[in-house]
Protein backbone atom coordinates (compact mmCIF):
# COMPACT_ATOMS: atom_id res chain seq x y z
CA MET A 1 126.81 103.26 104.69
CA SER A 2 126.23 106.98 105.30
CA ALA A 3 128.24 109.68 103.52
CA LEU A 4 129.00 110.95 107.02
CA SER A 5 130.64 107.77 108.26
CA GLY A 6 134.37 107.24 107.90
CA LEU A 7 135.21 110.93 107.68
CA GLU A 8 138.84 111.95 108.02
CA VAL A 9 140.38 115.36 108.56
CA GLY A 10 141.48 116.75 105.21
CA HIS A 11 138.92 114.76 103.21
CA VAL A 12 137.10 116.83 100.56
CA VAL A 13 133.38 116.09 100.95
CA ALA A 14 131.96 118.38 98.26
CA GLU A 15 132.97 120.75 95.47
CA ARG A 16 130.99 122.94 93.14
CA ASP A 17 131.49 125.58 90.48
CA VAL A 18 128.88 128.33 90.14
CA VAL A 19 128.76 131.20 87.67
CA LEU A 20 126.91 134.31 88.78
CA SER A 21 125.52 136.67 86.17
CA ARG A 22 123.95 140.07 86.54
CA GLU A 23 120.64 138.27 86.03
CA SER A 24 121.48 136.11 89.08
CA LEU A 25 121.85 139.30 91.11
CA VAL A 26 118.52 140.70 89.91
CA ARG A 27 116.76 137.43 90.77
CA TYR A 28 118.37 137.37 94.22
CA ALA A 29 117.42 141.01 94.82
CA GLY A 30 113.81 140.18 94.02
CA ALA A 31 113.80 137.15 96.31
CA SER A 32 115.58 138.88 99.19
CA GLY A 33 114.20 142.39 98.87
CA ASP A 34 117.76 143.79 98.83
CA PHE A 35 117.68 146.33 96.02
CA ASN A 36 120.83 148.22 96.97
CA PRO A 37 122.04 149.63 93.61
CA ILE A 38 125.66 148.48 94.22
CA HIS A 39 124.30 145.06 93.24
CA TYR A 40 123.12 146.11 89.77
CA ARG A 41 124.39 149.58 88.77
CA ASP A 42 127.99 150.13 87.70
CA ASP A 43 127.76 153.90 88.12
CA VAL A 44 126.59 153.65 91.75
CA ALA A 45 129.22 151.02 92.57
CA ALA A 46 131.95 153.22 91.08
CA ALA A 47 130.63 156.33 92.88
CA VAL A 48 131.10 154.65 96.26
CA GLY A 49 134.58 153.40 95.38
CA LEU A 50 133.78 149.77 94.56
CA PRO A 51 135.60 147.89 91.78
CA GLY A 52 132.27 147.03 90.13
CA VAL A 53 128.84 145.61 90.82
CA LEU A 54 129.02 143.20 93.75
CA ALA A 55 127.18 139.99 94.48
CA HIS A 56 125.10 140.14 97.63
CA GLY A 57 127.02 138.82 100.64
CA MET A 58 124.17 136.54 101.67
CA LEU A 59 123.98 135.15 98.13
CA THR A 60 127.69 134.33 98.24
CA MET A 61 127.24 132.79 101.69
CA GLY A 62 124.32 130.67 100.47
CA ILE A 63 126.21 129.45 97.41
CA ALA A 64 129.14 128.51 99.64
CA VAL A 65 127.14 126.32 102.03
CA GLN A 66 124.89 124.62 99.46
CA PRO A 67 127.33 121.81 98.53
CA VAL A 68 127.53 120.87 102.24
CA VAL A 69 123.74 120.98 102.57
CA ASP A 70 123.45 118.70 99.53
CA TRP A 71 126.07 116.31 100.91
CA ALA A 72 125.00 116.14 104.58
CA GLY A 73 121.34 117.12 104.41
CA PRO A 74 119.76 120.31 105.78
CA ASP A 75 118.77 118.69 109.07
CA ARG A 76 122.42 118.01 109.94
CA ILE A 77 123.64 121.61 109.73
CA LEU A 78 124.24 122.80 113.30
CA ASP A 79 126.18 126.03 112.72
CA TYR A 80 127.47 128.09 109.81
CA GLN A 81 129.71 131.14 109.98
CA VAL A 82 131.83 133.11 107.55
CA ARG A 83 133.95 136.23 107.47
CA PHE A 84 133.66 138.25 104.29
CA THR A 85 137.18 139.02 103.08
CA ARG A 86 136.70 140.11 99.44
CA PRO A 87 133.65 141.17 97.48
CA VAL A 88 132.54 139.09 94.50
CA VAL A 89 132.63 141.45 91.53
CA VAL A 90 130.17 140.40 88.81
CA ASP A 91 131.26 141.52 85.36
CA PRO A 92 128.39 142.63 83.09
CA GLU A 93 129.50 140.29 80.31
CA THR A 94 131.38 137.38 81.89
CA GLY A 95 129.81 137.33 85.35
CA ALA A 96 131.78 135.83 88.23
CA ALA A 97 132.89 132.22 88.50
CA LEU A 98 132.97 130.82 92.04
CA HIS A 99 134.59 127.59 93.12
CA VAL A 100 133.54 126.05 96.44
CA ALA A 101 135.51 123.25 98.10
CA ALA A 102 134.32 121.72 101.37
CA LYS A 103 136.90 119.83 103.42
CA VAL A 104 136.76 118.17 106.83
CA GLY A 105 138.67 120.47 109.17
CA GLN A 106 137.99 118.85 112.53
CA LEU A 107 136.12 115.87 113.96
CA GLY A 108 134.34 116.00 117.32
CA GLU A 109 131.90 113.92 119.34
CA GLY A 110 129.13 113.36 116.82
CA THR A 111 130.10 116.42 114.76
CA ALA A 112 132.43 117.48 112.00
CA ARG A 113 133.65 120.97 111.19
CA ILE A 114 133.66 121.45 107.44
CA ASP A 115 135.96 124.19 106.20
CA LEU A 116 134.88 125.97 103.04
CA THR A 117 137.22 127.51 100.52
CA VAL A 118 135.44 129.88 98.15
CA THR A 119 137.50 131.35 95.33
CA SER A 120 136.88 133.60 92.36
CA ALA A 121 139.56 134.67 89.90
CA GLU A 122 142.06 132.69 92.01
CA GLN A 123 141.36 134.81 95.10
CA THR A 124 139.76 133.61 98.32
CA MET A 125 136.45 135.39 98.87
CA LEU A 126 135.44 134.17 102.34
CA GLY A 127 137.61 133.73 105.40
CA LYS A 128 137.03 131.26 108.21
CA ALA A 129 133.99 129.83 106.43
CA GLN A 130 132.99 126.88 108.58
CA VAL A 131 129.99 124.60 108.80
CA VAL A 132 129.40 122.30 111.77
CA VAL A 133 127.46 119.19 110.82
CA LYS A 134 125.98 116.45 112.96
CA THR A 135 127.56 113.12 112.03
CA ASP A 136 125.66 110.72 114.25
CA GLY A 137 121.99 109.74 114.55
């Protein structure tokens, strides 16, 4: 029986906790080529009015979808969209703890919309984060 059979609206299909460190940001910058100093320098982040060094938006987006990819499989992802609502501030000592919960939001003909809730410090970081997965075939 497939993990994608018997889905019901409201069912949590995946959850994950991830801790980002400043080292995580440096590694992501190297992999992505995004060396904007707001992602690694406190002085630059403060100079532009940010509350601290921020995680890359695409890194946050990737972390958010990964539990769904692991659950459904990469070949079943049909669409993925998010709205960035709050930046993920990564403390130099404690980092940033993210919690991702993936819940069935809607069922369609051969598809399911999975709604993601991504929180850090009890605040929601992404709005309208939704993944459409293929449930048949």
